[in-house]
Amino acid sequence: MQRYEETKATAALLARNAYESENSPMMWGCGFGWGWLMMSLGTVLWIAVLVVLVWALIRWLNNRPGTPVPPPSGGAQSGPTALEILQQRYARGEIDTATFEHMREQLVATGRHDDYH
């Protein structure tokens, strides 16, 4: 009879432990509480940080000054002068005589007839 009582007590203890473990929250009693919200906010925060970093990198790359091109030396010309371009336009018939003379006078007066284009 004593054996039966011990078995019955053990079964009751096991049943109580099983009941308590089924009804207790996960994570050793910490529960979910605000944890899921904090993890979600942390994820959103990291995504926002990454987006801002990518945006800043793109903006920095676009605003970076290009490699400065040195001015042409007094040696060989790299292209036609303004006066040569004007003469070519006149020869092709793109401008009339009055326009050609007016623009040529302006180039000579401003000293820009040797500019490169």
N, C-alpha and C. Protein backbone atom coordinates (compact mmCIF):
# COMPACT_ATOMS: atom_id res chain seq x y z
N MET A 1 0.81 -1.18 0.00
CA MET A 1 0.00 0.00 0.00
C MET A 1 0.86 1.26 0.00
N GLN A 2 1.95 1.17 0.69
CA GLN A 2 2.84 2.32 0.73
C GLN A 2 3.43 2.57 -0.66
N ARG A 3 3.70 1.52 -1.36
CA ARG A 3 4.24 1.66 -2.72
C ARG A 3 3.23 2.37 -3.60
N TYR A 4 1.95 2.04 -3.43
CA TYR A 4 0.89 2.67 -4.19
C TYR A 4 0.82 4.16 -3.87
N GLU A 5 0.95 4.51 -2.60
CA GLU A 5 0.91 5.92 -2.18
C GLU A 5 2.08 6.69 -2.76
N GLU A 6 3.26 6.07 -2.76
CA GLU A 6 4.44 6.74 -3.33
C GLU A 6 4.27 6.96 -4.82
N THR A 7 3.76 5.97 -5.51
CA THR A 7 3.53 6.08 -6.94
C THR A 7 2.49 7.15 -7.23
N LYS A 8 1.46 7.19 -6.43
CA LYS A 8 0.40 8.18 -6.58
C LYS A 8 0.95 9.58 -6.31
N ALA A 9 1.79 9.74 -5.30
CA ALA A 9 2.38 11.04 -4.98
C ALA A 9 3.33 11.48 -6.08
N THR A 10 4.10 10.54 -6.60
CA THR A 10 5.03 10.85 -7.69
C THR A 10 4.26 11.26 -8.93
N ALA A 11 3.19 10.56 -9.24
CA ALA A 11 2.37 10.89 -10.40
C ALA A 11 1.75 12.27 -10.24
N ALA A 12 1.30 12.58 -9.04
CA ALA A 12 0.71 13.89 -8.79
C ALA A 12 1.75 14.99 -8.95
N LEU A 13 2.96 14.75 -8.46
CA LEU A 13 4.05 15.72 -8.57
C LEU A 13 4.42 15.95 -10.03
N LEU A 14 4.52 14.86 -10.79
CA LEU A 14 4.84 14.97 -12.21
C LEU A 14 3.73 15.70 -12.97
N ALA A 15 2.49 15.41 -12.61
CA ALA A 15 1.37 16.08 -13.27
C ALA A 15 1.38 17.57 -12.95
N ARG A 16 1.69 17.91 -11.70
CA ARG A 16 1.75 19.32 -11.31
C ARG A 16 2.88 20.03 -12.05
N ASN A 17 4.05 19.39 -12.15
CA ASN A 17 5.17 19.98 -12.86
C ASN A 17 4.86 20.16 -14.35
N ALA A 18 4.20 19.16 -14.93
CA ALA A 18 3.83 19.25 -16.34
C ALA A 18 2.84 20.39 -16.56
N TYR A 19 1.89 20.52 -15.65
CA TYR A 19 0.89 21.58 -15.74
C TYR A 19 1.56 22.95 -15.64
N GLU A 20 2.47 23.08 -14.69
CA GLU A 20 3.15 24.36 -14.50
C GLU A 20 4.04 24.70 -15.69
N SER A 21 4.71 23.70 -16.27
CA SER A 21 5.60 23.98 -17.39
C SER A 21 4.80 24.34 -18.64
N GLU A 22 3.61 23.78 -18.79
CA GLU A 22 2.79 24.11 -19.94
C GLU A 22 2.19 25.51 -19.82
N ASN A 23 1.91 25.92 -18.61
CA ASN A 23 1.29 27.23 -18.41
C ASN A 23 2.30 28.34 -18.17
N SER A 24 3.55 28.00 -18.00
CA SER A 24 4.55 29.05 -17.76
C SER A 24 5.02 29.59 -19.11
N PRO A 25 5.34 30.85 -19.14
CA PRO A 25 5.79 31.44 -20.41
C PRO A 25 7.15 30.87 -20.81
N MET A 26 7.43 31.03 -22.08
CA MET A 26 8.72 30.53 -22.60
C MET A 26 9.85 31.42 -22.11
N MET A 27 11.04 31.04 -22.42
CA MET A 27 12.26 31.78 -22.10
C MET A 27 12.46 31.91 -20.60
N TRP A 28 12.29 30.82 -19.89
CA TRP A 28 12.59 30.73 -18.46
C TRP A 28 11.87 31.78 -17.62
N GLY A 29 10.64 32.00 -17.96
CA GLY A 29 9.84 32.90 -17.16
C GLY A 29 9.96 34.36 -17.54
N CYS A 30 10.79 34.69 -18.53
CA CYS A 30 10.90 36.10 -18.94
C CYS A 30 9.72 36.53 -19.78
N GLY A 31 9.11 35.62 -20.46
CA GLY A 31 7.96 35.94 -21.26
C GLY A 31 8.32 36.77 -22.48
N PHE A 32 7.32 37.08 -23.26
CA PHE A 32 7.57 37.88 -24.45
C PHE A 32 7.51 39.35 -24.12
N GLY A 33 6.57 39.76 -23.35
CA GLY A 33 6.48 41.15 -22.91
C GLY A 33 6.84 42.15 -23.99
N TRP A 34 7.84 42.98 -23.72
CA TRP A 34 8.28 44.02 -24.65
C TRP A 34 9.43 43.55 -25.53
N GLY A 35 9.88 42.34 -25.36
CA GLY A 35 11.02 41.83 -26.11
C GLY A 35 10.82 41.85 -27.61
N TRP A 36 9.65 41.42 -28.07
CA TRP A 36 9.41 41.39 -29.50
C TRP A 36 9.39 42.80 -30.08
N LEU A 37 8.87 43.75 -29.29
CA LEU A 37 8.84 45.14 -29.76
C LEU A 37 10.25 45.71 -29.84
N MET A 38 11.06 45.42 -28.84
CA MET A 38 12.43 45.93 -28.84
C MET A 38 13.25 45.32 -29.98
N MET A 39 13.06 44.04 -30.25
CA MET A 39 13.78 43.42 -31.36
C MET A 39 13.33 44.02 -32.69
N SER A 40 12.04 44.29 -32.83
CA SER A 40 11.54 44.91 -34.06
C SER A 40 12.11 46.31 -34.23
N LEU A 41 12.11 47.08 -33.16
CA LEU A 41 12.67 48.43 -33.26
C LEU A 41 14.16 48.39 -33.55
N GLY A 42 14.86 47.45 -32.98
CA GLY A 42 16.29 47.30 -33.27
C GLY A 42 16.53 46.98 -34.74
N THR A 43 15.71 46.12 -35.31
CA THR A 43 15.84 45.78 -36.73
C THR A 43 15.55 47.00 -37.60
N VAL A 44 14.49 47.72 -37.29
CA VAL A 44 14.16 48.92 -38.04
C VAL A 44 15.27 49.96 -37.92
N LEU A 45 15.84 50.08 -36.74
CA LEU A 45 16.93 51.02 -36.53
C LEU A 45 18.13 50.68 -37.41
N TRP A 46 18.52 49.42 -37.47
CA TRP A 46 19.67 49.02 -38.29
C TRP A 46 19.39 49.23 -39.77
N ILE A 47 18.17 48.95 -40.20
CA ILE A 47 17.82 49.19 -41.61
C ILE A 47 17.90 50.68 -41.90
N ALA A 48 17.40 51.52 -41.00
CA ALA A 48 17.47 52.97 -41.19
C ALA A 48 18.92 53.46 -41.24
N VAL A 49 19.76 52.91 -40.39
CA VAL A 49 21.18 53.29 -40.39
C VAL A 49 21.83 52.93 -41.73
N LEU A 50 21.54 51.74 -42.23
CA LEU A 50 22.10 51.32 -43.51
C LEU A 50 21.60 52.20 -44.66
N VAL A 51 20.32 52.55 -44.65
CA VAL A 51 19.78 53.42 -45.69
C VAL A 51 20.46 54.79 -45.64
N VAL A 52 20.64 55.34 -44.46
CA VAL A 52 21.29 56.65 -44.34
C VAL A 52 22.74 56.57 -44.81
N LEU A 53 23.45 55.49 -44.48
CA LEU A 53 24.83 55.35 -44.93
C LEU A 53 24.93 55.25 -46.45
N VAL A 54 24.04 54.49 -47.08
CA VAL A 54 24.04 54.39 -48.54
C VAL A 54 23.72 55.74 -49.16
N TRP A 55 22.73 56.44 -48.61
CA TRP A 55 22.37 57.77 -49.11
C TRP A 55 23.56 58.73 -48.99
N ALA A 56 24.23 58.72 -47.86
CA ALA A 56 25.37 59.61 -47.65
C ALA A 56 26.52 59.27 -48.61
N LEU A 57 26.75 57.99 -48.84
CA LEU A 57 27.81 57.59 -49.76
C LEU A 57 27.50 58.05 -51.18
N ILE A 58 26.28 57.87 -51.62
CA ILE A 58 25.89 58.31 -52.97
C ILE A 58 26.00 59.82 -53.08
N ARG A 59 25.54 60.53 -52.08
CA ARG A 59 25.62 61.99 -52.11
C ARG A 59 27.07 62.47 -52.13
N TRP A 60 27.92 61.81 -51.34
CA TRP A 60 29.33 62.19 -51.30
C TRP A 60 30.00 61.93 -52.65
N LEU A 61 29.69 60.79 -53.27
CA LEU A 61 30.29 60.47 -54.56
C LEU A 61 29.82 61.44 -55.65
N ASN A 62 28.57 61.88 -55.59
CA ASN A 62 28.05 62.80 -56.61
C ASN A 62 28.57 64.21 -56.42
N ASN A 63 28.85 64.63 -55.22
CA ASN A 63 29.30 65.99 -54.95
C ASN A 63 30.81 66.14 -54.96
N ARG A 64 31.51 65.05 -55.12
CA ARG A 64 32.96 65.10 -55.13
C ARG A 64 33.43 65.86 -56.36
N PRO A 65 34.35 66.81 -56.20
CA PRO A 65 34.84 67.51 -57.37
C PRO A 65 35.64 66.56 -58.25
N GLY A 66 35.48 66.73 -59.54
CA GLY A 66 36.21 65.87 -60.48
C GLY A 66 37.68 66.22 -60.50
N THR A 67 38.43 65.43 -61.19
CA THR A 67 39.85 65.69 -61.34
C THR A 67 40.02 66.95 -62.16
N PRO A 68 40.72 67.95 -61.64
CA PRO A 68 40.87 69.18 -62.39
C PRO A 68 41.69 68.95 -63.65
N VAL A 69 41.23 69.54 -64.74
CA VAL A 69 41.92 69.44 -66.01
C VAL A 69 42.86 70.62 -66.11
N PRO A 70 44.13 70.36 -66.36
CA PRO A 70 45.06 71.48 -66.46
C PRO A 70 44.76 72.31 -67.70
N PRO A 71 44.97 73.61 -67.62
CA PRO A 71 44.71 74.44 -68.80
C PRO A 71 45.68 74.08 -69.91
N PRO A 72 45.25 74.25 -71.14
CA PRO A 72 46.13 73.89 -72.25
C PRO A 72 47.38 74.77 -72.25
N SER A 73 48.47 74.14 -72.62
CA SER A 73 49.73 74.88 -72.66
C SER A 73 49.79 75.73 -73.92
N GLY A 74 50.79 76.57 -74.01
CA GLY A 74 50.93 77.45 -75.17
C GLY A 74 51.33 76.71 -76.42
N GLY A 75 51.54 75.41 -76.36
CA GLY A 75 52.00 74.62 -77.50
C GLY A 75 50.88 74.34 -78.48
N ALA A 76 50.68 73.09 -78.80
CA ALA A 76 49.71 72.68 -79.82
C ALA A 76 48.28 72.93 -79.35
N GLN A 77 47.46 73.36 -80.30
CA GLN A 77 46.06 73.61 -79.99
C GLN A 77 45.29 72.29 -80.01
N SER A 78 44.34 72.18 -79.10
CA SER A 78 43.57 70.95 -79.03
C SER A 78 42.28 71.03 -79.83
N GLY A 79 41.93 72.20 -80.33
CA GLY A 79 40.71 72.36 -81.11
C GLY A 79 40.72 73.69 -81.84
N PRO A 80 39.71 73.90 -82.64
CA PRO A 80 39.66 75.17 -83.39
C PRO A 80 39.37 76.35 -82.47
N THR A 81 39.85 77.50 -82.87
CA THR A 81 39.60 78.72 -82.11
C THR A 81 38.18 79.19 -82.38
N ALA A 82 37.74 80.14 -81.59
CA ALA A 82 36.40 80.69 -81.77
C ALA A 82 36.25 81.33 -83.14
N LEU A 83 37.29 82.00 -83.61
CA LEU A 83 37.25 82.64 -84.93
C LEU A 83 37.17 81.59 -86.03
N GLU A 84 37.90 80.49 -85.88
CA GLU A 84 37.83 79.42 -86.87
C GLU A 84 36.45 78.80 -86.93
N ILE A 85 35.83 78.61 -85.77
CA ILE A 85 34.46 78.06 -85.73
C ILE A 85 33.50 79.02 -86.42
N LEU A 86 33.67 80.32 -86.16
CA LEU A 86 32.82 81.33 -86.79
C LEU A 86 33.00 81.28 -88.30
N GLN A 87 34.23 81.17 -88.77
CA GLN A 87 34.49 81.11 -90.21
C GLN A 87 33.88 79.85 -90.83
N GLN A 88 33.94 78.74 -90.11
CA GLN A 88 33.34 77.50 -90.61
C GLN A 88 31.82 77.63 -90.72
N ARG A 89 31.21 78.24 -89.75
CA ARG A 89 29.75 78.44 -89.79
C ARG A 89 29.35 79.34 -90.95
N TYR A 90 30.16 80.37 -91.20
CA TYR A 90 29.88 81.28 -92.32
C TYR A 90 30.06 80.54 -93.64
N ALA A 91 31.10 79.71 -93.74
CA ALA A 91 31.36 78.96 -94.97
C ALA A 91 30.24 77.94 -95.24
N ARG A 92 29.66 77.36 -94.20
CA ARG A 92 28.57 76.40 -94.39
C ARG A 92 27.25 77.08 -94.66
N GLY A 93 27.19 78.38 -94.49
CA GLY A 93 25.96 79.11 -94.74
C GLY A 93 25.02 79.15 -93.56
N GLU A 94 25.51 78.84 -92.37
CA GLU A 94 24.67 78.86 -91.17
C GLU A 94 24.36 80.28 -90.73
N ILE A 95 25.25 81.23 -91.02
CA ILE A 95 25.03 82.64 -90.65
C ILE A 95 25.27 83.50 -91.88
N ASP A 96 24.64 84.66 -91.88
CA ASP A 96 24.80 85.56 -93.03
C ASP A 96 26.02 86.47 -92.81
N THR A 97 26.30 87.31 -93.81
CA THR A 97 27.49 88.16 -93.78
C THR A 97 27.43 89.15 -92.63
N ALA A 98 26.28 89.77 -92.41
CA ALA A 98 26.16 90.77 -91.34
C ALA A 98 26.41 90.14 -89.98
N THR A 99 25.85 88.96 -89.75
CA THR A 99 26.05 88.27 -88.47
C THR A 99 27.51 87.87 -88.31
N PHE A 100 28.12 87.38 -89.40
CA PHE A 100 29.53 86.99 -89.34
C PHE A 100 30.41 88.18 -88.97
N GLU A 101 30.20 89.32 -89.63
CA GLU A 101 31.01 90.51 -89.36
C GLU A 101 30.81 91.00 -87.93
N HIS A 102 29.56 91.01 -87.48
CA HIS A 102 29.25 91.46 -86.12
C HIS A 102 29.94 90.56 -85.08
N MET A 103 29.83 89.25 -85.25
CA MET A 103 30.41 88.31 -84.28
C MET A 103 31.94 88.35 -84.33
N ARG A 104 32.50 88.54 -85.56
CA ARG A 104 33.96 88.62 -85.68
C ARG A 104 34.49 89.85 -84.98
N GLU A 105 33.79 90.97 -85.13
CA GLU A 105 34.20 92.20 -84.46
C GLU A 105 34.15 92.04 -82.94
N GLN A 106 33.13 91.36 -82.45
CA GLN A 106 33.03 91.14 -81.00
C GLN A 106 34.17 90.24 -80.50
N LEU A 107 34.50 89.23 -81.26
CA LEU A 107 35.61 88.35 -80.86
C LEU A 107 36.93 89.10 -80.84
N VAL A 108 37.17 89.90 -81.85
CA VAL A 108 38.42 90.65 -81.92
C VAL A 108 38.46 91.69 -80.80
N ALA A 109 37.34 92.34 -80.53
CA ALA A 109 37.30 93.39 -79.50
C ALA A 109 37.53 92.80 -78.10
N THR A 110 37.02 91.64 -77.86
CA THR A 110 37.18 91.04 -76.52
C THR A 110 38.45 90.20 -76.42
N GLY A 111 39.13 90.00 -77.52
CA GLY A 111 40.35 89.21 -77.49
C GLY A 111 40.10 87.73 -77.36
N ARG A 112 38.91 87.28 -77.69
CA ARG A 112 38.54 85.87 -77.52
C ARG A 112 38.68 85.08 -78.81
N HIS A 113 39.30 85.63 -79.81
CA HIS A 113 39.38 84.89 -81.08
C HIS A 113 40.37 83.74 -81.02
N ASP A 114 41.21 83.67 -79.97
CA ASP A 114 42.15 82.56 -79.82
C ASP A 114 41.69 81.54 -78.80
N ASP A 115 40.46 81.68 -78.25
CA ASP A 115 39.96 80.73 -77.25
C ASP A 115 39.75 79.35 -77.87
N TYR A 116 39.88 78.34 -77.05
CA TYR A 116 39.65 76.98 -77.50
C TYR A 116 38.22 76.58 -77.22
N HIS A 117 37.63 75.74 -78.05
CA HIS A 117 36.29 75.20 -77.82
C HIS A 117 36.30 73.73 -77.93
